[in-house]
Amino acid sequence: MSISVTVPLGDRSYPVLVGRGAVGRLGDMVPAGVERVLVVTQSGVPLDAAGVLRGAGLDVATVEIGNGEAAKSLASVEEILGRLSALGATRRDLVVGAGGGMVTDVAGFAASLWHRGIRVVHVATTLLAMVDAAIGGKTGVNLGHGKNLVGTFWQPSGVICDTAALDSLPPREVRCGHGEMAKYHFLTGDDLLGLPLEERIARCVAIKAEVVASDERESGRRAILNYGHTLAHALEIETGFAMAHGEAVAVGIAYAARLARRLGRIGEDRVGQHLRVLEEYGLDSGLPATSDPDHLVALMHGDKKALDGLTFVLDGPRGVEVVPGVDGAEARKALADMAVR
């Protein structure tokens, strides 16, 4: 039995189905009038989205993009667009992104560009994609200068989160999902750890859906979904992406708590709550021993949220919110407060 959560965007609202075996309902999410489907995926993805669609009588082609952050690139987008061209795809057709967050980001971006936008459905196969990347319509790829610097807002027609895909998920990928999941504890105060996994995923989706509906294009409140991400993106770049996204977000959440305490926004007890949640998820919240604090601060200056100097999403008396114009010296001191792994 799947749990259905709606992302409420008026006439562009769409369902997110969470549950074991949910991929069997993928055909129900194909919009009326679709003639051809291009499934964008990777090697090793545990669900056969293309097979489900063929079983529903659809004309299906597939394209596999590379693995790892290096494949989250304009070259991968060009490969997908070339395949759409070869298929003669029109605006009546559909892209399906089947895989983790990198796949859904790249597939969604390509869909938003083809004929200035064709429909896309996502089949999320990692925990990180289920609770974050596949939901909300943010797409994008990396450049050498930073993470997700080129992208669009392009909402899917639906999202499938089949928890059977998690059975074979490597422990590191589970930790990555937990890194993103942990942030929702501080956006709402909910005790998500007390919920069964499928309900916890659905609750994370519902929290994100409510935030997205209030600020679809990240002109204000939606930026709170980037809690922990400012340092996380800097760490990913500094380590050459040897540190995975969710692992870096966990460190970024611990850092955001330390920085908020330095700025007088929260007390040490609240910092302790952050560290306890991260520990309960089995996440390491220490900086890599090889980190260069000055380099990290410079990288954080290049974050795409940095419209007014250093900008962070920080906890405080009104909850988690965007805080621009943070003094670089305080940001550097907060790094010095961090544990080292």
C-alpha atoms as a PDB file:
ATOM      1  CA  MET A   1       0.000   0.000   0.000  1.00  0.00           C
ATOM      2  CA  SER A   2       1.561   3.288  -1.097  1.00  0.00           C
ATOM      3  CA  ILE A   3       1.331   6.585   0.739  1.00  0.00           C
ATOM      4  CA  SER A   4       0.380   9.437  -1.586  1.00  0.00           C
ATOM      5  CA  VAL A   5       1.581  12.990  -0.933  1.00  0.00           C
ATOM      6  CA  THR A   6       0.566  15.901  -3.164  1.00  0.00           C
ATOM      7  CA  VAL A   7       2.897  18.740  -4.059  1.00  0.00           C
ATOM      8  CA  PRO A   8       0.250  21.511  -4.191  1.00  0.00           C
ATOM      9  CA  LEU A   9       0.973  23.824  -7.120  1.00  0.00           C
ATOM     10  CA  GLY A  10      -2.485  24.581  -8.471  1.00  0.00           C
ATOM     11  CA  ASP A  11      -3.016  23.144 -11.927  1.00  0.00           C
ATOM     12  CA  ARG A  12       0.587  21.839 -11.845  1.00  0.00           C
ATOM     13  CA  SER A  13       0.104  19.828  -8.632  1.00  0.00           C
ATOM     14  CA  TYR A  14       1.436  16.300  -8.756  1.00  0.00           C
ATOM     15  CA  PRO A  15       1.493  13.123  -6.664  1.00  0.00           C
ATOM     16  CA  VAL A  16       4.434  11.501  -4.916  1.00  0.00           C
ATOM     17  CA  LEU A  17       3.856   7.803  -4.215  1.00  0.00           C
ATOM     18  CA  VAL A  18       5.884   6.244  -1.404  1.00  0.00           C
ATOM     19  CA  GLY A  19       5.866   2.514  -0.741  1.00  0.00           C
ATOM     20  CA  ARG A  20       7.195  -0.911  -1.574  1.00  0.00           C
ATOM     21  CA  GLY A  21       6.219  -1.860  -5.122  1.00  0.00           C
ATOM     22  CA  ALA A  22       5.162   1.698  -6.021  1.00  0.00           C
ATOM     23  CA  VAL A  23       7.039   1.476  -9.347  1.00  0.00           C
ATOM     24  CA  GLY A  24       4.224  -0.796 -10.551  1.00  0.00           C
ATOM     25  CA  ARG A  25       2.042   2.319 -10.721  1.00  0.00           C
ATOM     26  CA  LEU A  26       4.465   4.219 -12.949  1.00  0.00           C
ATOM     27  CA  GLY A  27       2.208   3.777 -15.975  1.00  0.00           C
ATOM     28  CA  ASP A  28      -0.556   5.630 -14.124  1.00  0.00           C
ATOM     29  CA  MET A  29       1.678   8.705 -13.954  1.00  0.00           C
ATOM     30  CA  VAL A  30       2.240   8.942 -17.703  1.00  0.00           C
ATOM     31  CA  PRO A  31       0.262  11.971 -18.902  1.00  0.00           C
ATOM     32  CA  ALA A  32      -2.415  11.475 -21.524  1.00  0.00           C
ATOM     33  CA  GLY A  33      -1.230  11.774 -25.123  1.00  0.00           C
ATOM     34  CA  VAL A  34       2.375  10.666 -24.554  1.00  0.00           C
ATOM     35  CA  GLU A  35       3.708   8.862 -27.640  1.00  0.00           C
ATOM     36  CA  ARG A  36       7.325   8.134 -26.703  1.00  0.00           C
ATOM     37  CA  VAL A  37       9.218   7.831 -23.410  1.00  0.00           C
ATOM     38  CA  LEU A  38      12.951   8.255 -22.883  1.00  0.00           C
ATOM     39  CA  VAL A  39      14.127   6.705 -19.618  1.00  0.00           C
ATOM     40  CA  VAL A  40      17.301   8.325 -18.285  1.00  0.00           C
ATOM     41  CA  THR A  41      19.089   6.023 -15.859  1.00  0.00           C
ATOM     42  CA  GLN A  42      22.464   4.597 -14.801  1.00  0.00           C
ATOM     43  CA  SER A  43      24.043   1.171 -14.606  1.00  0.00           C
ATOM     44  CA  GLY A  44      23.165  -0.640 -11.394  1.00  0.00           C
ATOM     45  CA  VAL A  45      19.808   1.056 -10.792  1.00  0.00           C
ATOM     46  CA  PRO A  46      17.698  -1.631  -9.080  1.00  0.00           C
ATOM     47  CA  LEU A  47      14.284  -0.838 -10.592  1.00  0.00           C
ATOM     48  CA  ASP A  48      13.317  -1.555 -14.212  1.00  0.00           C
ATOM     49  CA  ALA A  49      11.283   1.542 -14.997  1.00  0.00           C
ATOM     50  CA  ALA A  50      11.593   0.935 -18.738  1.00  0.00           C
ATOM     51  CA  GLY A  51      10.184  -2.578 -18.363  1.00  0.00           C
ATOM     52  CA  VAL A  52       7.185  -1.316 -16.388  1.00  0.00           C
ATOM     53  CA  LEU A  53       6.460   1.283 -19.068  1.00  0.00           C
ATOM     54  CA  ARG A  54       6.787  -1.233 -21.899  1.00  0.00           C
ATOM     55  CA  GLY A  55       4.383  -3.463 -19.997  1.00  0.00           C
ATOM     56  CA  ALA A  56       1.933  -0.567 -20.064  1.00  0.00           C
ATOM     57  CA  GLY A  57       2.146  -0.561 -23.878  1.00  0.00           C
ATOM     58  CA  LEU A  58       4.375   2.480 -24.310  1.00  0.00           C
ATOM     59  CA  ASP A  59       7.166   3.038 -26.859  1.00  0.00           C
ATOM     60  CA  VAL A  60      10.234   3.265 -24.627  1.00  0.00           C
ATOM     61  CA  ALA A  61      13.911   4.056 -25.254  1.00  0.00           C
ATOM     62  CA  THR A  62      16.659   4.319 -22.645  1.00  0.00           C
ATOM     63  CA  VAL A  63      19.883   6.224 -22.165  1.00  0.00           C
ATOM     64  CA  GLU A  64      22.437   5.517 -19.441  1.00  0.00           C
ATOM     65  CA  ILE A  65      24.529   8.376 -18.130  1.00  0.00           C
ATOM     66  CA  GLY A  66      27.714   7.980 -16.119  1.00  0.00           C
ATOM     67  CA  ASN A  67      28.012   7.516 -12.377  1.00  0.00           C
ATOM     68  CA  GLY A  68      29.392  10.020  -9.897  1.00  0.00           C
ATOM     69  CA  GLU A  69      29.405  13.798  -9.684  1.00  0.00           C
ATOM     70  CA  ALA A  70      31.563  14.057 -12.813  1.00  0.00           C
ATOM     71  CA  ALA A  71      28.516  12.916 -14.809  1.00  0.00           C
ATOM     72  CA  LYS A  72      26.353  15.684 -13.356  1.00  0.00           C
ATOM     73  CA  SER A  73      27.442  17.841 -16.253  1.00  0.00           C
ATOM     74  CA  LEU A  74      26.428  19.688 -19.367  1.00  0.00           C
ATOM     75  CA  ALA A  75      27.955  16.812 -21.352  1.00  0.00           C
ATOM     76  CA  SER A  76      25.391  14.406 -19.870  1.00  0.00           C
ATOM     77  CA  VAL A  77      22.590  16.822 -20.680  1.00  0.00           C
ATOM     78  CA  GLU A  78      23.823  17.067 -24.262  1.00  0.00           C
ATOM     79  CA  GLU A  79      23.844  13.271 -24.491  1.00  0.00           C
ATOM     80  CA  ILE A  80      20.200  13.116 -23.401  1.00  0.00           C
ATOM     81  CA  LEU A  81      19.182  15.901 -25.756  1.00  0.00           C
ATOM     82  CA  GLY A  82      20.924  14.120 -28.626  1.00  0.00           C
ATOM     83  CA  ARG A  83      18.947  10.983 -27.873  1.00  0.00           C
ATOM     84  CA  LEU A  84      15.684  12.942 -27.783  1.00  0.00           C
ATOM     85  CA  SER A  85      16.596  14.408 -31.168  1.00  0.00           C
ATOM     86  CA  ALA A  86      17.323  10.979 -32.633  1.00  0.00           C
ATOM     87  CA  LEU A  87      13.943   9.760 -31.376  1.00  0.00           C
ATOM     88  CA  GLY A  88      12.149  12.725 -32.916  1.00  0.00           C
ATOM     89  CA  ALA A  89      10.680  13.553 -29.507  1.00  0.00           C
ATOM     90  CA  THR A  90       8.063  16.297 -29.367  1.00  0.00           C
ATOM     91  CA  ARG A  91       6.351  18.206 -26.597  1.00  0.00           C
ATOM     92  CA  ARG A  92       3.836  15.361 -26.395  1.00  0.00           C
ATOM     93  CA  ASP A  93       6.526  12.984 -25.185  1.00  0.00           C
ATOM     94  CA  LEU A  94       7.996  12.189 -21.788  1.00  0.00           C
ATOM     95  CA  VAL A  95      11.327  11.877 -20.000  1.00  0.00           C
ATOM     96  CA  VAL A  96      11.569   9.547 -17.004  1.00  0.00           C
ATOM     97  CA  GLY A  97      14.497   9.977 -14.625  1.00  0.00           C
ATOM     98  CA  ALA A  98      15.102   6.647 -12.873  1.00  0.00           C
ATOM     99  CA  GLY A  99      17.869   6.668 -10.310  1.00  0.00           C
ATOM    100  CA  GLY A 100      19.336   8.772  -7.543  1.00  0.00           C
ATOM    101  CA  GLY A 101      19.393  12.518  -7.122  1.00  0.00           C
ATOM    102  CA  MET A 102      22.037  13.055  -9.776  1.00  0.00           C
ATOM    103  CA  VAL A 103      19.877  11.275 -12.364  1.00  0.00           C
ATOM    104  CA  THR A 104      16.706  13.168 -11.474  1.00  0.00           C
ATOM    105  CA  ASP A 105      18.571  16.508 -11.531  1.00  0.00           C
ATOM    106  CA  VAL A 106      20.125  15.847 -14.935  1.00  0.00           C
ATOM    107  CA  ALA A 107      17.024  14.254 -16.484  1.00  0.00           C
ATOM    108  CA  GLY A 108      14.824  17.081 -15.225  1.00  0.00           C
ATOM    109  CA  PHE A 109      17.204  19.696 -16.594  1.00  0.00           C
ATOM    110  CA  ALA A 110      17.290  18.041 -20.023  1.00  0.00           C
ATOM    111  CA  ALA A 111      13.492  17.777 -20.061  1.00  0.00           C
ATOM    112  CA  SER A 112      13.180  21.472 -19.247  1.00  0.00           C
ATOM    113  CA  LEU A 113      15.345  22.361 -22.253  1.00  0.00           C
ATOM    114  CA  TRP A 114      13.970  20.083 -24.978  1.00  0.00           C
ATOM    115  CA  HIS A 115      11.550  22.157 -27.092  1.00  0.00           C
ATOM    116  CA  ARG A 116      11.633  24.602 -24.146  1.00  0.00           C
ATOM    117  CA  GLY A 117      10.156  21.991 -21.868  1.00  0.00           C
ATOM    118  CA  ILE A 118       8.602  18.531 -22.052  1.00  0.00           C
ATOM    119  CA  ARG A 119       7.092  16.523 -19.245  1.00  0.00           C
ATOM    120  CA  VAL A 120       9.152  14.488 -16.808  1.00  0.00           C
ATOM    121  CA  VAL A 121       8.387  11.824 -14.199  1.00  0.00           C
ATOM    122  CA  HIS A 122      10.926  10.703 -11.627  1.00  0.00           C
ATOM    123  CA  VAL A 123      11.500   7.237 -10.170  1.00  0.00           C
ATOM    124  CA  ALA A 124      13.690   7.868  -7.123  1.00  0.00           C
ATOM    125  CA  THR A 125      15.839   4.870  -6.167  1.00  0.00           C
ATOM    126  CA  THR A 126      17.977   6.319  -3.352  1.00  0.00           C
ATOM    127  CA  LEU A 127      16.918   7.679   0.012  1.00  0.00           C
ATOM    128  CA  LEU A 128      18.420  11.078  -0.812  1.00  0.00           C
ATOM    129  CA  ALA A 129      16.400  11.326  -4.021  1.00  0.00           C
ATOM    130  CA  MET A 130      13.204  10.234  -2.263  1.00  0.00           C
ATOM    131  CA  VAL A 131      13.338  12.833   0.495  1.00  0.00           C
ATOM    132  CA  ASP A 132      14.898  15.668  -1.464  1.00  0.00           C
ATOM    133  CA  ALA A 133      16.315  15.671  -4.985  1.00  0.00           C
ATOM    134  CA  ALA A 134      13.360  14.258  -6.935  1.00  0.00           C
ATOM    135  CA  ILE A 135      10.812  16.540  -5.233  1.00  0.00           C
ATOM    136  CA  GLY A 136      10.201  20.210  -5.937  1.00  0.00           C
ATOM    137  CA  GLY A 137      11.342  20.820  -9.490  1.00  0.00           C
ATOM    138  CA  LYS A 138      14.897  22.090  -8.974  1.00  0.00           C
ATOM    139  CA  THR A 139      17.166  20.733 -11.692  1.00  0.00           C
ATOM    140  CA  GLY A 140      20.762  21.399 -12.543  1.00  0.00           C
ATOM    141  CA  VAL A 141      24.333  20.382 -13.186  1.00  0.00           C
ATOM    142  CA  ASN A 142      27.734  21.305 -11.848  1.00  0.00           C
ATOM    143  CA  LEU A 143      30.456  23.448 -13.345  1.00  0.00           C
ATOM    144  CA  GLY A 144      34.107  23.432 -12.386  1.00  0.00           C
ATOM    145  CA  HIS A 145      33.396  26.552 -10.331  1.00  0.00           C
ATOM    146  CA  GLY A 146      30.724  25.003  -8.117  1.00  0.00           C
ATOM    147  CA  LYS A 147      27.727  22.793  -7.465  1.00  0.00           C
ATOM    148  CA  ASN A 148      24.409  23.187  -9.300  1.00  0.00           C
ATOM    149  CA  LEU A 149      25.363  26.514 -10.871  1.00  0.00           C
ATOM    150  CA  VAL A 150      23.405  25.839 -14.080  1.00  0.00           C
ATOM    151  CA  GLY A 151      19.797  24.713 -13.845  1.00  0.00           C
ATOM    152  CA  THR A 152      16.100  25.427 -14.067  1.00  0.00           C
ATOM    153  CA  PHE A 153      12.890  25.075 -12.100  1.00  0.00           C
ATOM    154  CA  TRP A 154      10.898  22.351 -13.859  1.00  0.00           C
ATOM    155  CA  GLN A 155       8.263  20.464 -11.929  1.00  0.00           C
ATOM    156  CA  PRO A 156       7.686  16.764 -12.662  1.00  0.00           C
ATOM    157  CA  SER A 157       4.292  15.297 -13.480  1.00  0.00           C
ATOM    158  CA  GLY A 158       4.768  12.772 -10.689  1.00  0.00           C
ATOM    159  CA  VAL A 159       7.329  11.003  -8.529  1.00  0.00           C
ATOM    160  CA  ILE A 160       7.641   7.347  -7.517  1.00  0.00           C
ATOM    161  CA  CYS A 161       9.534   6.423  -4.340  1.00  0.00           C
ATOM    162  CA  ASP A 162       9.623   2.623  -4.332  1.00  0.00           C
ATOM    163  CA  THR A 163      11.242   1.642  -1.044  1.00  0.00           C
ATOM    164  CA  ALA A 164      12.131  -1.805  -2.444  1.00  0.00           C
ATOM    165  CA  ALA A 165      15.015   0.000  -4.165  1.00  0.00           C
ATOM    166  CA  LEU A 166      16.506   0.719  -0.744  1.00  0.00           C
ATOM    167  CA  ASP A 167      17.050  -2.990  -0.011  1.00  0.00           C
ATOM    168  CA  SER A 168      20.236  -3.017  -2.083  1.00  0.00           C
ATOM    169  CA  LEU A 169      21.361   0.520  -1.257  1.00  0.00           C
ATOM    170  CA  PRO A 170      25.006   0.579  -0.054  1.00  0.00           C
ATOM    171  CA  PRO A 171      25.492   1.810   3.535  1.00  0.00           C
ATOM    172  CA  ARG A 172      27.167   4.995   2.323  1.00  0.00           C
ATOM    173  CA  GLU A 173      24.147   5.864   0.165  1.00  0.00           C
ATOM    174  CA  VAL A 174      21.892   5.266   3.173  1.00  0.00           C
ATOM    175  CA  ARG A 175      24.009   7.707   5.186  1.00  0.00           C
ATOM    176  CA  CYS A 176      23.697  10.242   2.375  1.00  0.00           C
ATOM    177  CA  GLY A 177      19.919  10.010   2.589  1.00  0.00           C
ATOM    178  CA  HIS A 178      20.075  10.340   6.357  1.00  0.00           C
ATOM    179  CA  GLY A 179      22.084  13.550   5.951  1.00  0.00           C
ATOM    180  CA  GLU A 180      19.244  15.142   3.995  1.00  0.00           C
ATOM    181  CA  MET A 181      16.611  13.567   6.245  1.00  0.00           C
ATOM    182  CA  ALA A 182      18.240  15.011   9.372  1.00  0.00           C
ATOM    183  CA  LYS A 183      17.628  18.584   8.226  1.00  0.00           C
ATOM    184  CA  TYR A 184      13.849  18.081   8.371  1.00  0.00           C
ATOM    185  CA  HIS A 185      14.069  17.612  12.150  1.00  0.00           C
ATOM    186  CA  PHE A 186      15.153  21.232  12.447  1.00  0.00           C
ATOM    187  CA  LEU A 187      12.743  22.659   9.878  1.00  0.00           C
ATOM    188  CA  THR A 188       9.747  21.382  11.851  1.00  0.00           C
ATOM    189  CA  GLY A 189      10.775  19.987  15.220  1.00  0.00           C
ATOM    190  CA  ASP A 190       9.116  16.679  14.277  1.00  0.00           C
ATOM    191  CA  ASP A 191      10.449  13.483  15.858  1.00  0.00           C
ATOM    192  CA  LEU A 192      10.942  11.729  12.538  1.00  0.00           C
ATOM    193  CA  LEU A 193      13.024   8.981  14.112  1.00  0.00           C
ATOM    194  CA  GLY A 194       9.877   7.739  15.819  1.00  0.00           C
ATOM    195  CA  LEU A 195       8.206   6.932  12.481  1.00  0.00           C
ATOM    196  CA  PRO A 196       8.463   3.773  10.351  1.00  0.00           C
ATOM    197  CA  LEU A 197      10.687   4.329   7.315  1.00  0.00           C
ATOM    198  CA  GLU A 198       7.954   4.761   4.689  1.00  0.00           C
ATOM    199  CA  GLU A 199       6.029   7.177   6.900  1.00  0.00           C
ATOM    200  CA  ARG A 200       9.240   9.069   7.634  1.00  0.00           C
ATOM    201  CA  ILE A 201       9.978   9.423   3.922  1.00  0.00           C
ATOM    202  CA  ALA A 202       6.403  10.560   3.264  1.00  0.00           C
ATOM    203  CA  ARG A 203       6.635  13.101   6.091  1.00  0.00           C
ATOM    204  CA  CYS A 204       9.861  14.529   4.640  1.00  0.00           C
ATOM    205  CA  VAL A 205       8.153  14.763   1.239  1.00  0.00           C
ATOM    206  CA  ALA A 206       5.168  16.537   2.810  1.00  0.00           C
ATOM    207  CA  ILE A 207       7.413  19.050   4.587  1.00  0.00           C
ATOM    208  CA  LYS A 208       9.271  19.806   1.384  1.00  0.00           C
ATOM    209  CA  ALA A 209       6.024  20.005  -0.613  1.00  0.00           C
ATOM    210  CA  GLU A 210       4.617  22.628   1.760  1.00  0.00           C
ATOM    211  CA  VAL A 211       7.773  24.746   1.544  1.00  0.00           C
ATOM    212  CA  VAL A 212       7.936  24.445  -2.257  1.00  0.00           C
ATOM    213  CA  ALA A 213       4.283  25.447  -2.593  1.00  0.00           C
ATOM    214  CA  SER A 214       4.958  28.590  -0.560  1.00  0.00           C
ATOM    215  CA  ASP A 215       8.022  29.622  -2.589  1.00  0.00           C
ATOM    216  CA  GLU A 216       8.432  27.593  -5.750  1.00  0.00           C
ATOM    217  CA  ARG A 217      11.307  29.584  -7.257  1.00  0.00           C
ATOM    218  CA  GLU A 218      13.369  30.069  -4.111  1.00  0.00           C
ATOM    219  CA  SER A 219      12.836  33.810  -3.826  1.00  0.00           C
ATOM    220  CA  GLY A 220      12.699  33.527  -0.058  1.00  0.00           C
ATOM    221  CA  ARG A 221      11.491  30.774   2.237  1.00  0.00           C
ATOM    222  CA  ARG A 222      12.421  27.806   0.037  1.00  0.00           C
ATOM    223  CA  ALA A 223      16.084  28.450   0.759  1.00  0.00           C
ATOM    224  CA  ILE A 224      15.561  26.903   4.217  1.00  0.00           C
ATOM    225  CA  LEU A 225      15.634  23.538   2.429  1.00  0.00           C
ATOM    226  CA  ASN A 226      19.347  24.220   1.947  1.00  0.00           C
ATOM    227  CA  TYR A 227      19.978  23.943   5.691  1.00  0.00           C
ATOM    228  CA  GLY A 228      23.552  22.707   6.087  1.00  0.00           C
ATOM    229  CA  HIS A 229      24.278  23.019   2.373  1.00  0.00           C
ATOM    230  CA  THR A 230      26.508  26.103   2.273  1.00  0.00           C
ATOM    231  CA  LEU A 231      29.438  24.364   3.929  1.00  0.00           C
ATOM    232  CA  ALA A 232      28.390  21.034   2.389  1.00  0.00           C
ATOM    233  CA  HIS A 233      28.869  22.260  -1.162  1.00  0.00           C
ATOM    234  CA  ALA A 234      32.224  23.798  -0.230  1.00  0.00           C
ATOM    235  CA  LEU A 235      33.368  20.488   1.280  1.00  0.00           C
ATOM    236  CA  GLU A 236      32.303  18.554  -1.794  1.00  0.00           C
ATOM    237  CA  ILE A 237      34.338  20.855  -4.021  1.00  0.00           C
ATOM    238  CA  GLU A 238      37.373  20.931  -1.713  1.00  0.00           C
ATOM    239  CA  THR A 239      37.483  17.125  -1.490  1.00  0.00           C
ATOM    240  CA  GLY A 240      37.009  16.688  -5.231  1.00  0.00           C
ATOM    241  CA  PHE A 241      33.635  15.080  -4.429  1.00  0.00           C
ATOM    242  CA  ALA A 242      35.323  12.332  -2.416  1.00  0.00           C
ATOM    243  CA  MET A 243      32.900  13.443   0.294  1.00  0.00           C
ATOM    244  CA  ALA A 244      29.384  12.518  -0.828  1.00  0.00           C
ATOM    245  CA  HIS A 245      26.578  15.076  -0.705  1.00  0.00           C
ATOM    246  CA  GLY A 246      24.627  13.693   2.238  1.00  0.00           C
ATOM    247  CA  GLU A 247      27.807  13.162   4.261  1.00  0.00           C
ATOM    248  CA  ALA A 248      28.756  16.777   3.615  1.00  0.00           C
ATOM    249  CA  VAL A 249      25.263  17.999   4.561  1.00  0.00           C
ATOM    250  CA  ALA A 250      25.597  16.287   7.947  1.00  0.00           C
ATOM    251  CA  VAL A 251      28.825  18.208   8.605  1.00  0.00           C
ATOM    252  CA  GLY A 252      27.155  21.354   7.269  1.00  0.00           C
ATOM    253  CA  ILE A 253      24.255  20.986   9.710  1.00  0.00           C
ATOM    254  CA  ALA A 254      26.659  20.679  12.651  1.00  0.00           C
ATOM    255  CA  TYR A 255      28.537  23.726  11.355  1.00  0.00           C
ATOM    256  CA  ALA A 256      25.347  25.765  10.910  1.00  0.00           C
ATOM    257  CA  ALA A 257      24.475  25.064  14.548  1.00  0.00           C
ATOM    258  CA  ARG A 258      27.949  26.142  15.691  1.00  0.00           C
ATOM    259  CA  LEU A 259      27.768  29.320  13.603  1.00  0.00           C
ATOM    260  CA  ALA A 260      24.273  30.138  14.903  1.00  0.00           C
ATOM    261  CA  ARG A 261      25.563  29.788  18.472  1.00  0.00           C
ATOM    262  CA  ARG A 262      28.503  32.110  17.726  1.00  0.00           C
ATOM    263  CA  LEU A 263      26.074  34.683  16.340  1.00  0.00           C
ATOM    264  CA  GLY A 264      23.910  34.444  19.476  1.00  0.00           C
ATOM    265  CA  ARG A 265      20.951  32.924  17.662  1.00  0.00           C
ATOM    266  CA  ILE A 266      20.818  29.661  19.650  1.00  0.00           C
ATOM    267  CA  GLY A 267      22.345  28.260  22.825  1.00  0.00           C
ATOM    268  CA  GLU A 268      24.641  25.330  23.470  1.00  0.00           C
ATOM    269  CA  ASP A 269      21.672  23.076  24.335  1.00  0.00           C
ATOM    270  CA  ARG A 270      20.287  23.536  20.829  1.00  0.00           C
ATOM    271  CA  VAL A 271      23.701  22.766  19.345  1.00  0.00           C
ATOM    272  CA  GLY A 272      23.625  19.576  21.382  1.00  0.00           C
ATOM    273  CA  GLN A 273      20.232  18.665  19.895  1.00  0.00           C
ATOM    274  CA  HIS A 274      21.720  18.960  16.414  1.00  0.00           C
ATOM    275  CA  LEU A 275      24.635  16.735  17.280  1.00  0.00           C
ATOM    276  CA  ARG A 276      22.376  14.139  18.928  1.00  0.00           C
ATOM    277  CA  VAL A 277      20.122  13.842  15.878  1.00  0.00           C
ATOM    278  CA  LEU A 278      23.128  13.441  13.589  1.00  0.00           C
ATOM    279  CA  GLU A 279      24.557  10.794  15.907  1.00  0.00           C
ATOM    280  CA  GLU A 280      21.246   8.888  16.011  1.00  0.00           C
ATOM    281  CA  TYR A 281      21.364   8.733  12.214  1.00  0.00           C
ATOM    282  CA  GLY A 282      24.908   7.377  12.415  1.00  0.00           C
ATOM    283  CA  LEU A 283      26.389  10.458  10.773  1.00  0.00           C
ATOM    284  CA  ASP A 284      29.882  11.866  11.261  1.00  0.00           C
ATOM    285  CA  SER A 285      29.683  15.601  11.966  1.00  0.00           C
ATOM    286  CA  GLY A 286      33.416  16.373  12.061  1.00  0.00           C
ATOM    287  CA  LEU A 287      35.447  18.250   9.467  1.00  0.00           C
ATOM    288  CA  PRO A 288      37.930  16.234   7.401  1.00  0.00           C
ATOM    289  CA  ALA A 289      41.391  16.605   8.910  1.00  0.00           C
ATOM    290  CA  THR A 290      42.685  17.901   5.565  1.00  0.00           C
ATOM    291  CA  SER A 291      40.217  20.820   5.448  1.00  0.00           C
ATOM    292  CA  ASP A 292      41.609  24.301   4.829  1.00  0.00           C
ATOM    293  CA  PRO A 293      39.332  26.753   6.707  1.00  0.00           C
ATOM    294  CA  ASP A 294      40.373  29.766   4.631  1.00  0.00           C
ATOM    295  CA  HIS A 295      39.681  27.881   1.416  1.00  0.00           C
ATOM    296  CA  LEU A 296      36.293  26.723   2.725  1.00  0.00           C
ATOM    297  CA  VAL A 297      35.292  30.299   3.580  1.00  0.00           C
ATOM    298  CA  ALA A 298      36.335  31.419   0.095  1.00  0.00           C
ATOM    299  CA  LEU A 299      34.283  28.633  -1.465  1.00  0.00           C
ATOM    300  CA  MET A 300      31.258  29.556   0.670  1.00  0.00           C
ATOM    301  CA  HIS A 301      31.486  33.099  -0.687  1.00  0.00           C
ATOM    302  CA  GLY A 302      30.767  31.542  -4.118  1.00  0.00           C
ATOM    303  CA  ASP A 303      27.600  29.767  -2.991  1.00  0.00           C
ATOM    304  CA  LYS A 304      24.620  30.588  -5.193  1.00  0.00           C
ATOM    305  CA  LYS A 305      22.673  31.919  -2.169  1.00  0.00           C
ATOM    306  CA  ALA A 306      25.398  34.507  -1.456  1.00  0.00           C
ATOM    307  CA  LEU A 307      23.591  37.631  -2.689  1.00  0.00           C
ATOM    308  CA  ASP A 308      24.822  39.812   0.183  1.00  0.00           C
ATOM    309  CA  GLY A 309      28.204  38.582   1.331  1.00  0.00           C
ATOM    310  CA  LEU A 310      28.338  35.250   3.125  1.00  0.00           C
ATOM    311  CA  THR A 311      24.806  33.882   3.349  1.00  0.00           C
ATOM    312  CA  PHE A 312      23.721  30.934   5.476  1.00  0.00           C
ATOM    313  CA  VAL A 313      20.551  29.141   6.485  1.00  0.00           C
ATOM    314  CA  LEU A 314      20.668  29.212  10.289  1.00  0.00           C
ATOM    315  CA  ASP A 315      18.564  28.195  13.254  1.00  0.00           C
ATOM    316  CA  GLY A 316      17.324  30.908  15.593  1.00  0.00           C
ATOM    317  CA  PRO A 317      14.482  32.132  17.793  1.00  0.00           C
ATOM    318  CA  ARG A 318      12.100  32.220  14.792  1.00  0.00           C
ATOM    319  CA  GLY A 319      13.281  28.853  13.548  1.00  0.00           C
ATOM    320  CA  VAL A 320      15.461  28.123  10.533  1.00  0.00           C
ATOM    321  CA  GLU A 321      15.807  31.114   8.192  1.00  0.00           C
ATOM    322  CA  VAL A 322      18.148  32.737   5.661  1.00  0.00           C
ATOM    323  CA  VAL A 323      20.777  34.997   7.240  1.00  0.00           C
ATOM    324  CA  PRO A 324      22.749  37.202   4.797  1.00  0.00           C
ATOM    325  CA  GLY A 325      25.830  39.300   5.467  1.00  0.00           C
ATOM    326  CA  VAL A 326      27.546  36.960   7.945  1.00  0.00           C
ATOM    327  CA  ASP A 327      30.979  38.197   8.962  1.00  0.00           C
ATOM    328  CA  GLY A 328      33.743  36.101   7.425  1.00  0.00           C
ATOM    329  CA  ALA A 329      35.728  36.129  10.667  1.00  0.00           C
ATOM    330  CA  GLU A 330      32.791  34.573  12.540  1.00  0.00           C
ATOM    331  CA  ALA A 331      32.385  31.962   9.829  1.00  0.00           C
ATOM    332  CA  ARG A 332      36.082  31.132  10.184  1.00  0.00           C
ATOM    333  CA  LYS A 333      35.824  30.901  13.987  1.00  0.00           C
ATOM    334  CA  ALA A 334      32.862  28.547  13.721  1.00  0.00           C
ATOM    335  CA  LEU A 335      34.999  26.232  11.595  1.00  0.00           C
ATOM    336  CA  ALA A 336      37.574  26.268  14.389  1.00  0.00           C
ATOM    337  CA  ASP A 337      34.823  25.162  16.797  1.00  0.00           C
ATOM    338  CA  MET A 338      34.177  22.038  14.764  1.00  0.00           C
ATOM    339  CA  ALA A 339      35.365  18.582  15.685  1.00  0.00           C
ATOM    340  CA  VAL A 340      37.858  17.013  13.272  1.00  0.00           C
ATOM    341  CA  ARG A 341      37.379  13.448  12.055  1.00  0.00           C
END
